[in-house]
Amino acid sequence: MASRDYLPYYIGGHARECVGEAVLSWKSGFDGAIQVFSMGCMPEIVSKAILPAIARDKDFPILSLVVDEMTGEAGYITRIEAFVDMLERRRSHAVSGC
């Protein structure tokens, strides 16, 4: 179970899956991950609290987006575009050795 080091207990919802998928994405060589969850979802809030440790330990960028009925689409698009730009810069620096 990929989440074991960060979330060894079942707390309900998809928290262990969320944490485990972040670790598996890093192991698979992904450049980063995006967590999308609904406002007030307690297991995903726990995951959101754990994901920064994975990001720090693995040097693996993770963006968390909270969705509710009042959220505008344009804000998400801007945040995702900025995240992808950051991933592209990281990759180009890794390839060029800078």
Protein backbone atom coordinates (compact mmCIF):
# COMPACT_ATOMS: atom_id res chain seq x y z
CA MET A 1 0.00 0.00 0.00
CA ALA A 2 1.63 3.19 -1.22
CA SER A 3 0.10 5.43 1.45
CA ARG A 4 1.40 3.43 4.42
CA ASP A 5 4.33 5.73 5.29
CA TYR A 6 2.10 8.80 5.37
CA LEU A 7 -1.36 7.51 6.32
CA PRO A 8 -1.22 4.04 7.89
CA TYR A 9 -4.86 4.01 9.02
CA TYR A 10 -8.16 3.89 7.18
CA ILE A 11 -10.05 7.08 8.01
CA GLY A 12 -12.87 6.77 5.50
CA GLY A 13 -13.56 8.25 2.11
CA HIS A 14 -10.71 8.14 -0.36
CA ALA A 15 -7.97 9.60 1.84
CA ARG A 16 -5.65 6.60 1.62
CA GLU A 17 -6.21 6.35 -2.12
CA CYS A 18 -5.45 10.06 -2.56
CA VAL A 19 -2.23 9.86 -0.57
CA GLY A 20 -1.24 6.57 -2.20
CA GLU A 21 -1.86 7.91 -5.71
CA ALA A 22 0.42 10.87 -5.00
CA VAL A 23 3.22 8.49 -3.97
CA LEU A 24 2.58 6.21 -6.96
CA SER A 25 2.58 9.20 -9.31
CA TRP A 26 6.00 10.20 -7.99
CA LYS A 27 7.27 6.62 -8.36
CA SER A 28 5.93 6.52 -11.92
CA GLY A 29 7.96 9.59 -12.87
CA PHE A 30 5.15 12.13 -13.13
CA ASP A 31 6.20 15.77 -12.92
CA GLY A 32 3.55 16.64 -10.31
CA ALA A 33 0.00 15.93 -9.14
CA ILE A 34 -3.24 17.84 -8.65
CA GLN A 35 -5.68 17.00 -5.86
CA VAL A 36 -9.26 18.12 -6.50
CA PHE A 37 -11.77 17.78 -3.67
CA SER A 38 -15.07 19.21 -2.54
CA MET A 39 -15.28 21.76 0.25
CA GLY A 40 -15.81 20.15 3.63
CA CYS A 41 -14.83 16.61 2.67
CA MET A 42 -13.05 15.53 5.85
CA PRO A 43 -10.98 12.62 4.43
CA GLU A 44 -9.72 14.83 1.61
CA ILE A 45 -8.92 17.63 4.08
CA VAL A 46 -6.75 15.10 5.95
CA SER A 47 -5.11 14.16 2.64
CA LYS A 48 -4.49 17.84 1.88
CA ALA A 49 -2.67 18.12 5.21
CA ILE A 50 -0.45 15.11 4.37
CA LEU A 51 0.35 15.94 0.74
CA PRO A 52 2.83 18.75 1.58
CA ALA A 53 4.98 16.18 3.42
CA ILE A 54 5.03 14.00 0.30
CA ALA A 55 5.82 17.04 -1.86
CA ARG A 56 8.71 17.97 0.45
CA ASP A 57 10.07 14.44 0.97
CA LYS A 58 9.92 13.47 -2.70
CA ASP A 59 10.57 16.93 -4.23
CA PHE A 60 7.26 16.38 -6.02
CA PRO A 61 4.96 19.36 -6.64
CA ILE A 62 1.33 18.87 -5.60
CA LEU A 63 -1.46 21.39 -6.15
CA SER A 64 -4.68 21.09 -4.12
CA LEU A 65 -7.89 22.60 -5.50
CA VAL A 66 -11.01 22.91 -3.37
CA VAL A 67 -14.31 22.93 -5.28
CA ASP A 68 -17.63 24.31 -4.10
CA GLU A 69 -20.72 25.66 -5.82
CA MET A 70 -19.45 29.24 -5.57
CA THR A 71 -16.08 28.69 -7.21
CA GLY A 72 -15.43 30.33 -10.56
CA GLU A 73 -13.88 28.37 -13.42
CA ALA A 74 -11.44 31.12 -14.42
CA GLY A 75 -9.60 30.93 -11.09
CA TYR A 76 -9.02 27.21 -11.53
CA ILE A 77 -7.80 27.61 -15.07
CA THR A 78 -5.30 30.27 -13.98
CA ARG A 79 -3.99 28.16 -11.07
CA ILE A 80 -3.65 25.03 -13.22
CA GLU A 81 -1.89 26.97 -15.99
CA ALA A 82 0.57 28.42 -13.46
CA PHE A 83 1.18 24.94 -11.99
CA VAL A 84 1.86 23.46 -15.44
CA ASP A 85 4.22 26.36 -16.24
CA MET A 86 6.11 25.65 -13.01
CA LEU A 87 6.35 21.94 -13.90
CA GLU A 88 7.68 22.80 -17.35
CA ARG A 89 10.33 25.12 -15.85
CA ARG A 90 11.39 22.41 -13.38
CA ARG A 91 11.72 19.89 -16.19
CA SER A 92 13.70 22.23 -18.45
CA HIS A 93 16.07 23.09 -15.57
CA ALA A 94 16.52 19.39 -14.76
CA VAL A 95 17.33 18.60 -18.39
CA SER A 96 19.70 21.54 -18.83
CA GLY A 97 21.34 20.99 -15.45
CA CYS A 98 20.76 24.56 -14.28
